[in-house]
PDB file of N, CA and C in Angstrom:
ATOM      1  N   THR A   1     112.511 131.447  80.030  1.00  0.00           N
ATOM      2  CA  THR A   1     111.472 132.202  79.289  1.00  0.00           C
ATOM      3  C   THR A   1     110.120 132.033  80.045  1.00  0.00           C
ATOM      4  N   GLY A   2     109.474 133.063  80.235  1.00  0.00           N
ATOM      5  CA  GLY A   2     108.187 133.044  80.938  1.00  0.00           C
ATOM      6  C   GLY A   2     107.121 133.746  80.142  1.00  0.00           C
ATOM      7  N   VAL A   3     105.897 133.344  80.408  1.00  0.00           N
ATOM      8  CA  VAL A   3     104.787 133.977  79.698  1.00  0.00           C
ATOM      9  C   VAL A   3     103.765 134.420  80.731  1.00  0.00           C
ATOM     10  N   TRP A   4     103.242 135.658  80.615  1.00  0.00           N
ATOM     11  CA  TRP A   4     102.172 136.099  81.477  1.00  0.00           C
ATOM     12  C   TRP A   4     101.007 136.451  80.518  1.00  0.00           C
ATOM     13  N   VAL A   5      99.813 135.976  80.905  1.00  0.00           N
ATOM     14  CA  VAL A   5      98.620 136.331  80.109  1.00  0.00           C
ATOM     15  C   VAL A   5      97.646 136.885  81.127  1.00  0.00           C
ATOM     16  N   GLY A   6      97.083 138.085  80.827  1.00  0.00           N
ATOM     17  CA  GLY A   6      96.180 138.649  81.782  1.00  0.00           C
ATOM     18  C   GLY A   6      95.719 140.035  81.294  1.00  0.00           C
ATOM     19  N   ARG A   7      94.937 140.648  82.070  1.00  0.00           N
ATOM     20  CA  ARG A   7      94.387 141.950  81.780  1.00  0.00           C
ATOM     21  C   ARG A   7      95.244 143.008  82.546  1.00  0.00           C
ATOM     22  N   ASP A   8      95.238 144.190  81.907  1.00  0.00           N
ATOM     23  CA  ASP A   8      96.060 145.297  82.554  1.00  0.00           C
ATOM     24  C   ASP A   8      95.584 145.593  83.886  1.00  0.00           C
ATOM     25  N   ASP A   9      94.328 145.429  84.207  1.00  0.00           N
ATOM     26  CA  ASP A   9      93.752 145.810  85.540  1.00  0.00           C
ATOM     27  C   ASP A   9      93.716 144.649  86.440  1.00  0.00           C
ATOM     28  N   ASN A  10      94.280 143.450  86.041  1.00  0.00           N
ATOM     29  CA  ASN A  10      94.385 142.248  86.873  1.00  0.00           C
ATOM     30  C   ASN A  10      92.998 141.606  87.203  1.00  0.00           C
ATOM     31  N   THR A  11      91.941 141.990  86.476  1.00  0.00           N
ATOM     32  CA  THR A  11      90.656 141.333  86.661  1.00  0.00           C
ATOM     33  C   THR A  11      90.750 139.931  86.103  1.00  0.00           C
ATOM     34  N   PRO A  12      89.993 138.969  86.680  1.00  0.00           N
ATOM     35  CA  PRO A  12      90.132 137.596  86.251  1.00  0.00           C
ATOM     36  C   PRO A  12      89.661 137.349  84.800  1.00  0.00           C
ATOM     37  N   MET A  13      90.309 136.405  84.173  1.00  0.00           N
ATOM     38  CA  MET A  13      89.939 136.065  82.806  1.00  0.00           C
ATOM     39  C   MET A  13      89.258 134.657  82.881  1.00  0.00           C
ATOM     40  N   ALA A  14      88.060 134.637  82.417  1.00  0.00           N
ATOM     41  CA  ALA A  14      87.239 133.358  82.425  1.00  0.00           C
ATOM     42  C   ALA A  14      87.949 132.321  81.547  1.00  0.00           C
ATOM     43  N   LYS A  15      88.050 131.107  82.040  1.00  0.00           N
ATOM     44  CA  LYS A  15      88.510 129.992  81.333  1.00  0.00           C
ATOM     45  C   LYS A  15      89.993 130.097  80.782  1.00  0.00           C
ATOM     46  N   VAL A  16      90.783 130.887  81.436  1.00  0.00           N
ATOM     47  CA  VAL A  16      92.200 130.968  81.088  1.00  0.00           C
ATOM     48  C   VAL A  16      93.027 130.471  82.233  1.00  0.00           C
ATOM     49  N   THR A  17      93.762 129.370  82.014  1.00  0.00           N
ATOM     50  CA  THR A  17      94.628 128.799  83.019  1.00  0.00           C
ATOM     51  C   THR A  17      96.037 128.619  82.447  1.00  0.00           C
ATOM     52  N   GLY A  18      96.984 128.385  83.286  1.00  0.00           N
ATOM     53  CA  GLY A  18      98.410 128.217  82.939  1.00  0.00           C
ATOM     54  C   GLY A  18      98.647 127.079  81.973  1.00  0.00           C
ATOM     55  N   GLY A  19      97.788 126.080  82.019  1.00  0.00           N
ATOM     56  CA  GLY A  19      97.907 124.949  81.080  1.00  0.00           C
ATOM     57  C   GLY A  19      97.239 125.244  79.751  1.00  0.00           C
ATOM     58  N   GLY A  20      96.585 126.326  79.577  1.00  0.00           N
ATOM     59  CA  GLY A  20      95.922 126.607  78.265  1.00  0.00           C
ATOM     60  C   GLY A  20      96.700 127.576  77.412  1.00  0.00           C
ATOM     61  N   ALA A  21      96.166 128.737  77.242  1.00  0.00           N
ATOM     62  CA  ALA A  21      96.733 129.766  76.385  1.00  0.00           C
ATOM     63  C   ALA A  21      98.243 130.071  76.711  1.00  0.00           C
ATOM     64  N   PRO A  22      98.562 130.301  78.025  1.00  0.00           N
ATOM     65  CA  PRO A  22      99.951 130.607  78.304  1.00  0.00           C
ATOM     66  C   PRO A  22     100.851 129.510  77.926  1.00  0.00           C
ATOM     67  N   ALA A  23     100.484 128.248  78.165  1.00  0.00           N
ATOM     68  CA  ALA A  23     101.334 127.056  77.822  1.00  0.00           C
ATOM     69  C   ALA A  23     101.498 126.968  76.290  1.00  0.00           C
ATOM     70  N   GLU A  24     100.461 127.268  75.590  1.00  0.00           N
ATOM     71  CA  GLU A  24     100.514 127.205  74.144  1.00  0.00           C
ATOM     72  C   GLU A  24     101.450 128.295  73.583  1.00  0.00           C
ATOM     73  N   ILE A  25     101.338 129.454  74.131  1.00  0.00           N
ATOM     74  CA  ILE A  25     102.278 130.593  73.723  1.00  0.00           C
ATOM     75  C   ILE A  25     103.724 130.254  73.969  1.00  0.00           C
ATOM     76  N   TRP A  26     103.968 129.735  75.237  1.00  0.00           N
ATOM     77  CA  TRP A  26     105.333 129.317  75.626  1.00  0.00           C
ATOM     78  C   TRP A  26     105.857 128.247  74.711  1.00  0.00           C
ATOM     79  N   HIS A  27     104.987 127.203  74.472  1.00  0.00           N
ATOM     80  CA  HIS A  27     105.483 126.103  73.614  1.00  0.00           C
ATOM     81  C   HIS A  27     105.840 126.547  72.196  1.00  0.00           C
ATOM     82  N   ASN A  28     104.960 127.401  71.688  1.00  0.00           N
ATOM     83  CA  ASN A  28     105.236 127.850  70.294  1.00  0.00           C
ATOM     84  C   ASN A  28     106.464 128.710  70.213  1.00  0.00           C
ATOM     85  N   PHE A  29     106.628 129.544  71.229  1.00  0.00           N
ATOM     86  CA  PHE A  29     107.970 130.350  71.259  1.00  0.00           C
ATOM     87  C   PHE A  29     109.149 129.452  71.384  1.00  0.00           C
ATOM     88  N   MET A  30     109.138 128.550  72.304  1.00  0.00           N
ATOM     89  CA  MET A  30     110.336 127.629  72.532  1.00  0.00           C
ATOM     90  C   MET A  30     110.530 126.751  71.345  1.00  0.00           C
ATOM     91  N   ALA A  31     109.559 126.269  70.689  1.00  0.00           N
ATOM     92  CA  ALA A  31     109.705 125.422  69.473  1.00  0.00           C
ATOM     93  C   ALA A  31     110.381 126.183  68.354  1.00  0.00           C
ATOM     94  N   ALA A  32     110.111 127.466  68.307  1.00  0.00           N
ATOM     95  CA  ALA A  32     110.780 128.308  67.242  1.00  0.00           C
ATOM     96  C   ALA A  32     112.188 128.720  67.705  1.00  0.00           C
ATOM     97  N   ALA A  33     112.348 128.975  69.023  1.00  0.00           N
ATOM     98  CA  ALA A  33     113.685 129.526  69.505  1.00  0.00           C
ATOM     99  C   ALA A  33     114.696 128.428  69.692  1.00  0.00           C
ATOM    100  N   LEU A  34     114.365 127.325  70.195  1.00  0.00           N
ATOM    101  CA  LEU A  34     115.359 126.302  70.577  1.00  0.00           C
ATOM    102  C   LEU A  34     116.170 125.780  69.359  1.00  0.00           C
ATOM    103  N   PRO A  35     115.627 125.547  68.255  1.00  0.00           N
ATOM    104  CA  PRO A  35     116.460 125.038  67.153  1.00  0.00           C
ATOM    105  C   PRO A  35     117.598 126.039  66.719  1.00  0.00           C
ATOM    106  N   ARG A  36     117.424 127.243  67.099  1.00  0.00           N
ATOM    107  CA  ARG A  36     118.442 128.300  66.751  1.00  0.00           C
ATOM    108  C   ARG A  36     119.540 128.311  67.722  1.00  0.00           C
ATOM    109  N   LEU A  37     119.418 127.683  68.879  1.00  0.00           N
ATOM    110  CA  LEU A  37     120.481 127.716  69.921  1.00  0.00           C
ATOM    111  C   LEU A  37     121.380 126.513  69.820  1.00  0.00           C
ATOM    112  N   GLN A  38     122.608 126.714  70.274  1.00  0.00           N
ATOM    113  CA  GLN A  38     123.549 125.618  70.369  1.00  0.00           C
ATOM    114  C   GLN A  38     123.573 125.197  71.843  1.00  0.00           C
ATOM    115  N   ALA A  39     123.490 123.904  72.065  1.00  0.00           N
ATOM    116  CA  ALA A  39     123.540 123.400  73.473  1.00  0.00           C
ATOM    117  C   ALA A  39     124.868 123.700  74.107  1.00  0.00           C
ATOM    118  N   GLN A  40     124.876 124.118  75.345  1.00  0.00           N
ATOM    119  CA  GLN A  40     126.063 124.463  76.070  1.00  0.00           C
ATOM    120  C   GLN A  40     126.107 123.569  77.328  1.00  0.00           C
ATOM    121  N   ALA A  41     127.340 123.215  77.776  1.00  0.00           N
ATOM    122  CA  ALA A  41     127.441 122.420  78.998  1.00  0.00           C
ATOM    123  C   ALA A  41     126.920 123.220  80.197  1.00  0.00           C
ATOM    124  N   ILE A  42     126.271 122.526  81.115  1.00  0.00           N
ATOM    125  CA  ILE A  42     125.807 123.075  82.275  1.00  0.00           C
ATOM    126  C   ILE A  42     126.844 123.076  83.330  1.00  0.00           C
ATOM    127  N   PRO A  43     127.233 124.191  83.977  1.00  0.00           N
ATOM    128  CA  PRO A  43     128.252 124.187  84.999  1.00  0.00           C
ATOM    129  C   PRO A  43     127.858 123.265  86.115  1.00  0.00           C
ATOM    130  N   GLY A  44     128.820 122.455  86.599  1.00  0.00           N
ATOM    131  CA  GLY A  44     128.474 121.522  87.736  1.00  0.00           C
ATOM    132  C   GLY A  44     127.820 120.258  87.249  1.00  0.00           C
ATOM    133  N   GLY A  45     127.725 120.029  85.923  1.00  0.00           N
ATOM    134  CA  GLY A  45     127.109 118.870  85.445  1.00  0.00           C
ATOM    135  C   GLY A  45     127.830 117.572  85.720  1.00  0.00           C
ATOM    136  N   GLU A  46     129.142 117.668  86.142  1.00  0.00           N
ATOM    137  CA  GLU A  46     129.883 116.499  86.413  1.00  0.00           C
ATOM    138  C   GLU A  46     129.330 115.715  87.591  1.00  0.00           C
ATOM    139  N   ALA A  47     128.761 116.430  88.557  1.00  0.00           N
ATOM    140  CA  ALA A  47     128.174 115.658  89.691  1.00  0.00           C
ATOM    141  C   ALA A  47     127.011 114.858  89.292  1.00  0.00           C
ATOM    142  N   VAL A  48     126.249 115.216  88.307  1.00  0.00           N
ATOM    143  CA  VAL A  48     125.125 114.395  87.892  1.00  0.00           C
ATOM    144  C   VAL A  48     125.669 113.182  87.207  1.00  0.00           C
ATOM    145  N   ALA A  49     126.707 113.209  86.414  1.00  0.00           N
ATOM    146  CA  ALA A  49     127.284 112.088  85.789  1.00  0.00           C
ATOM    147  C   ALA A  49     127.743 111.066  86.757  1.00  0.00           C
ATOM    148  N   ALA A  50     128.048 111.482  88.069  1.00  0.00           N
ATOM    149  CA  ALA A  50     128.568 110.612  89.055  1.00  0.00           C
ATOM    150  C   ALA A  50     127.449 109.826  89.801  1.00  0.00           C
ATOM    151  N   ALA A  51     126.150 110.174  89.455  1.00  0.00           N
ATOM    152  CA  ALA A  51     125.008 109.485  90.125  1.00  0.00           C
ATOM    153  C   ALA A  51     125.036 108.043  89.706  1.00  0.00           C
ATOM    154  N   PRO A  52     124.512 107.164  90.527  1.00  0.00           N
ATOM    155  CA  PRO A  52     124.447 105.727  90.150  1.00  0.00           C
ATOM    156  C   PRO A  52     123.657 105.544  88.847  1.00  0.00           C
ATOM    157  N   LYS A  53     124.180 104.620  88.004  1.00  0.00           N
ATOM    158  CA  LYS A  53     123.617 104.325  86.724  1.00  0.00           C
ATOM    159  C   LYS A  53     122.107 103.936  86.828  1.00  0.00           C
ATOM    160  N   ASP A  54     121.723 103.194  87.925  1.00  0.00           N
ATOM    161  CA  ASP A  54     120.393 102.746  87.994  1.00  0.00           C
ATOM    162  C   ASP A  54     119.657 103.213  89.273  1.00  0.00           C
ATOM    163  N   ALA A  55     119.749 104.559  89.471  1.00  0.00           N
ATOM    164  CA  ALA A  55     119.232 105.133  90.715  1.00  0.00           C
ATOM    165  C   ALA A  55     117.781 104.825  90.808  1.00  0.00           C
ATOM    166  N   ILE A  56     116.996 104.940  89.716  1.00  0.00           N
ATOM    167  CA  ILE A  56     115.588 104.626  89.764  1.00  0.00           C
ATOM    168  C   ILE A  56     115.355 103.194  90.105  1.00  0.00           C
ATOM    169  N   GLY A  57     116.108 102.292  89.463  1.00  0.00           N
ATOM    170  CA  GLY A  57     115.945 100.883  89.790  1.00  0.00           C
ATOM    171  C   GLY A  57     116.231 100.566  91.220  1.00  0.00           C
ATOM    172  N   ASP A  58     117.263 101.237  91.828  1.00  0.00           N
ATOM    173  CA  ASP A  58     117.496 101.054  93.228  1.00  0.00           C
ATOM    174  C   ASP A  58     116.348 101.446  94.100  1.00  0.00           C
ATOM    175  N   ILE A  59     115.726 102.574  93.742  1.00  0.00           N
ATOM    176  CA  ILE A  59     114.581 103.080  94.568  1.00  0.00           C
ATOM    177  C   ILE A  59     113.439 102.071  94.421  1.00  0.00           C
ATOM    178  N   LEU A  60     113.162 101.588  93.271  1.00  0.00           N
ATOM    179  CA  LEU A  60     112.052 100.675  93.026  1.00  0.00           C
ATOM    180  C   LEU A  60     112.316  99.309  93.716  1.00  0.00           C
ATOM    181  N   SER A  61     113.545  98.943  93.749  1.00  0.00           N
ATOM    182  CA  SER A  61     113.873  97.566  94.337  1.00  0.00           C
ATOM    183  C   SER A  61     113.992  97.582  95.883  1.00  0.00           C
ATOM    184  N   GLY A  62     114.068  98.856  96.453  1.00  0.00           N
ATOM    185  CA  GLY A  62     114.183  98.957  97.876  1.00  0.00           C
ATOM    186  C   GLY A  62     115.674  99.031  98.316  1.00  0.00           C
ATOM    187  N   ASP A  63     116.555  99.076  97.410  1.00  0.00           N
ATOM    188  CA  ASP A  63     118.032  99.172  97.667  1.00  0.00           C
ATOM    189  C   ASP A  63     118.498 100.556  97.935  1.00  0.00           C
ATOM    190  N   ALA A  64     117.716 101.584  97.815  1.00  0.00           N
ATOM    191  CA  ALA A  64     118.132 102.953  97.968  1.00  0.00           C
ATOM    192  C   ALA A  64     118.288 103.206  99.454  1.00  0.00           C
ATOM    193  N   PRO A  65     119.192 104.140  99.789  1.00  0.00           N
ATOM    194  CA  PRO A  65     119.341 104.497 101.219  1.00  0.00           C
ATOM    195  C   PRO A  65     118.028 105.085 101.769  1.00  0.00           C
ATOM    196  N   PRO A  66     117.862 105.054 103.094  1.00  0.00           N
ATOM    197  CA  PRO A  66     116.588 105.594 103.617  1.00  0.00           C
ATOM    198  C   PRO A  66     116.584 107.118 103.475  1.00  0.00           C
ATOM    199  N   PRO A  67     115.445 107.712 103.542  1.00  0.00           N
ATOM    200  CA  PRO A  67     115.409 109.193 103.431  1.00  0.00           C
ATOM    201  C   PRO A  67     115.983 109.804 104.689  1.00  0.00           C
ATOM    202  N   ALA A  68     116.523 111.036 104.598  1.00  0.00           N
ATOM    203  CA  ALA A  68     117.121 111.755 105.674  1.00  0.00           C
ATOM    204  C   ALA A  68     115.949 112.132 106.642  1.00  0.00           C
ATOM    205  N   ASP A  69     116.297 112.226 107.871  1.00  0.00           N
ATOM    206  CA  ASP A  69     115.331 112.680 108.934  1.00  0.00           C
ATOM    207  C   ASP A  69     114.989 114.109 108.650  1.00  0.00           C
ATOM    208  N   ALA A  70     113.729 114.479 108.790  1.00  0.00           N
ATOM    209  CA  ALA A  70     113.342 115.872 108.632  1.00  0.00           C
ATOM    210  C   ALA A  70     112.376 116.244 109.862  1.00  0.00           C
ATOM    211  N   GLU A  71     112.610 117.559 110.210  1.00  0.00           N
ATOM    212  CA  GLU A  71     111.779 118.057 111.274  1.00  0.00           C
ATOM    213  C   GLU A  71     110.424 118.377 110.752  1.00  0.00           C
ATOM    214  N   GLU A  72     109.379 118.004 111.554  1.00  0.00           N
ATOM    215  CA  GLU A  72     108.034 118.308 111.163  1.00  0.00           C
ATOM    216  C   GLU A  72     107.745 119.784 111.661  1.00  0.00           C
ATOM    217  N   PRO A  73     107.041 120.555 110.836  1.00  0.00           N
ATOM    218  CA  PRO A  73     106.732 121.897 111.311  1.00  0.00           C
ATOM    219  C   PRO A  73     105.750 121.903 112.413  1.00  0.00           C
ATOM    220  N   ASP A  74     105.830 122.949 113.227  1.00  0.00           N
ATOM    221  CA  ASP A  74     104.874 123.031 114.356  1.00  0.00           C
ATOM    222  C   ASP A  74     103.414 123.220 113.932  1.00  0.00           C
ATOM    223  N   ALA A  75     103.256 123.918 112.839  1.00  0.00           N
ATOM    224  CA  ALA A  75     101.891 124.116 112.297  1.00  0.00           C
ATOM    225  C   ALA A  75     101.975 124.187 110.847  1.00  0.00           C
ATOM    226  N   PRO A  76     100.873 123.945 110.153  1.00  0.00           N
ATOM    227  CA  PRO A  76     100.891 124.136 108.698  1.00  0.00           C
ATOM    228  C   PRO A  76     101.099 125.515 108.333  1.00  0.00           C
ATOM    229  N   PRO A  77     101.640 125.839 107.093  1.00  0.00           N
ATOM    230  CA  PRO A  77     101.745 127.212 106.658  1.00  0.00           C
ATOM    231  C   PRO A  77     100.383 127.800 106.455  1.00  0.00           C
ATOM    232  N   PRO A  78     100.335 129.171 106.563  1.00  0.00           N
ATOM    233  CA  PRO A  78      99.099 129.836 106.284  1.00  0.00           C
ATOM    234  C   PRO A  78      98.824 129.800 104.788  1.00  0.00           C
ATOM    235  N   VAL A  79      97.561 129.884 104.466  1.00  0.00           N
ATOM    236  CA  VAL A  79      97.144 129.950 103.054  1.00  0.00           C
ATOM    237  C   VAL A  79      96.905 131.351 102.686  1.00  0.00           C
ATOM    238  N   ARG A  80      97.526 131.938 101.695  1.00  0.00           N
ATOM    239  CA  ARG A  80      97.309 133.325 101.350  1.00  0.00           C
ATOM    240  C   ARG A  80      96.378 133.411 100.160  1.00  0.00           C
ATOM    241  N   ILE A  81      95.295 134.056 100.362  1.00  0.00           N
ATOM    242  CA  ILE A  81      94.268 134.148  99.275  1.00  0.00           C
ATOM    243  C   ILE A  81      93.815 135.556  99.102  1.00  0.00           C
ATOM    244  N   GLN A  82      93.242 135.863  97.922  1.00  0.00           N
ATOM    245  CA  GLN A  82      92.614 137.177  97.624  1.00  0.00           C
ATOM    246  C   GLN A  82      91.124 136.860  97.715  1.00  0.00           C
ATOM    247  N   ARG A  83      90.513 137.292  98.801  1.00  0.00           N
ATOM    248  CA  ARG A  83      89.162 136.914  99.079  1.00  0.00           C
ATOM    249  C   ARG A  83      88.105 138.027  98.769  1.00  0.00           C
ATOM    250  N   ASP A  84      88.493 139.234  99.041  1.00  0.00           N
ATOM    251  CA  ASP A  84      87.368 140.227  98.957  1.00  0.00           C
ATOM    252  C   ASP A  84      87.561 141.297  97.901  1.00  0.00           C
ATOM    253  N   GLY A  85      88.612 141.089  96.987  1.00  0.00           N
ATOM    254  CA  GLY A  85      88.754 142.043  95.884  1.00  0.00           C
ATOM    255  C   GLY A  85      89.284 143.363  96.212  1.00  0.00           C
ATOM    256  N   ASP A  86      89.858 143.606  97.439  1.00  0.00           N
ATOM    257  CA  ASP A  86      90.379 144.913  97.774  1.00  0.00           C
ATOM    258  C   ASP A  86      91.793 145.098  97.397  1.00  0.00           C
ATOM    259  N   GLY A  87      92.365 144.135  96.748  1.00  0.00           N
ATOM    260  CA  GLY A  87      93.802 144.287  96.395  1.00  0.00           C
ATOM    261  C   GLY A  87      94.741 143.819  97.383  1.00  0.00           C
ATOM    262  N   GLU A  88      94.313 143.548  98.612  1.00  0.00           N
ATOM    263  CA  GLU A  88      95.173 143.080  99.673  1.00  0.00           C
ATOM    264  C   GLU A  88      95.127 141.522  99.735  1.00  0.00           C
ATOM    265  N   THR A  89      96.204 140.935 100.167  1.00  0.00           N
ATOM    266  CA  THR A  89      96.258 139.476 100.382  1.00  0.00           C
ATOM    267  C   THR A  89      95.744 139.156 101.733  1.00  0.00           C
ATOM    268  N   ASP A  90      94.726 138.345 101.835  1.00  0.00           N
ATOM    269  CA  ASP A  90      94.156 137.946 103.126  1.00  0.00           C
ATOM    270  C   ASP A  90      94.845 136.613 103.561  1.00  0.00           C
ATOM    271  N   THR A  91      95.016 136.412 104.846  1.00  0.00           N
ATOM    272  CA  THR A  91      95.537 135.140 105.342  1.00  0.00           C
ATOM    273  C   THR A  91      94.447 134.335 106.012  1.00  0.00           C
ATOM    274  N   ALA A  92      94.397 133.025 105.663  1.00  0.00           N
ATOM    275  CA  ALA A  92      93.364 132.171 106.184  1.00  0.00           C
ATOM    276  C   ALA A  92      94.073 131.019 106.865  1.00  0.00           C
ATOM    277  N   PRO A  93      93.536 130.420 107.900  1.00  0.00           N
ATOM    278  CA  PRO A  93      94.183 129.255 108.439  1.00  0.00           C
ATOM    279  C   PRO A  93      94.188 128.101 107.457  1.00  0.00           C
ATOM    280  N   TYR A  94      95.064 127.204 107.595  1.00  0.00           N
ATOM    281  CA  TYR A  94      95.236 126.095 106.696  1.00  0.00           C
ATOM    282  C   TYR A  94      94.122 125.125 106.755  1.00  0.00           C
TER     283      TYR A  94
END
């Protein structure tokens, strides 16, 4: 379930953020909708049950396996911003 709050012409709305009005709308809808639903098993949930019982404790104690090696990117990703109001997305260096 998703919520979009905005103007038809996409002009900015002052003091409206995702954690404000949209979150309240979503919360109120979900609070009313969820009690009417019956929980169903999630496919593939068996793999989660096989996780160590104290995975968080292992991480905190230092007994967890080391993280996998990862390749560092050559350059940071570009930042895409709407800068001049022309409707086009502008790209700026990171």
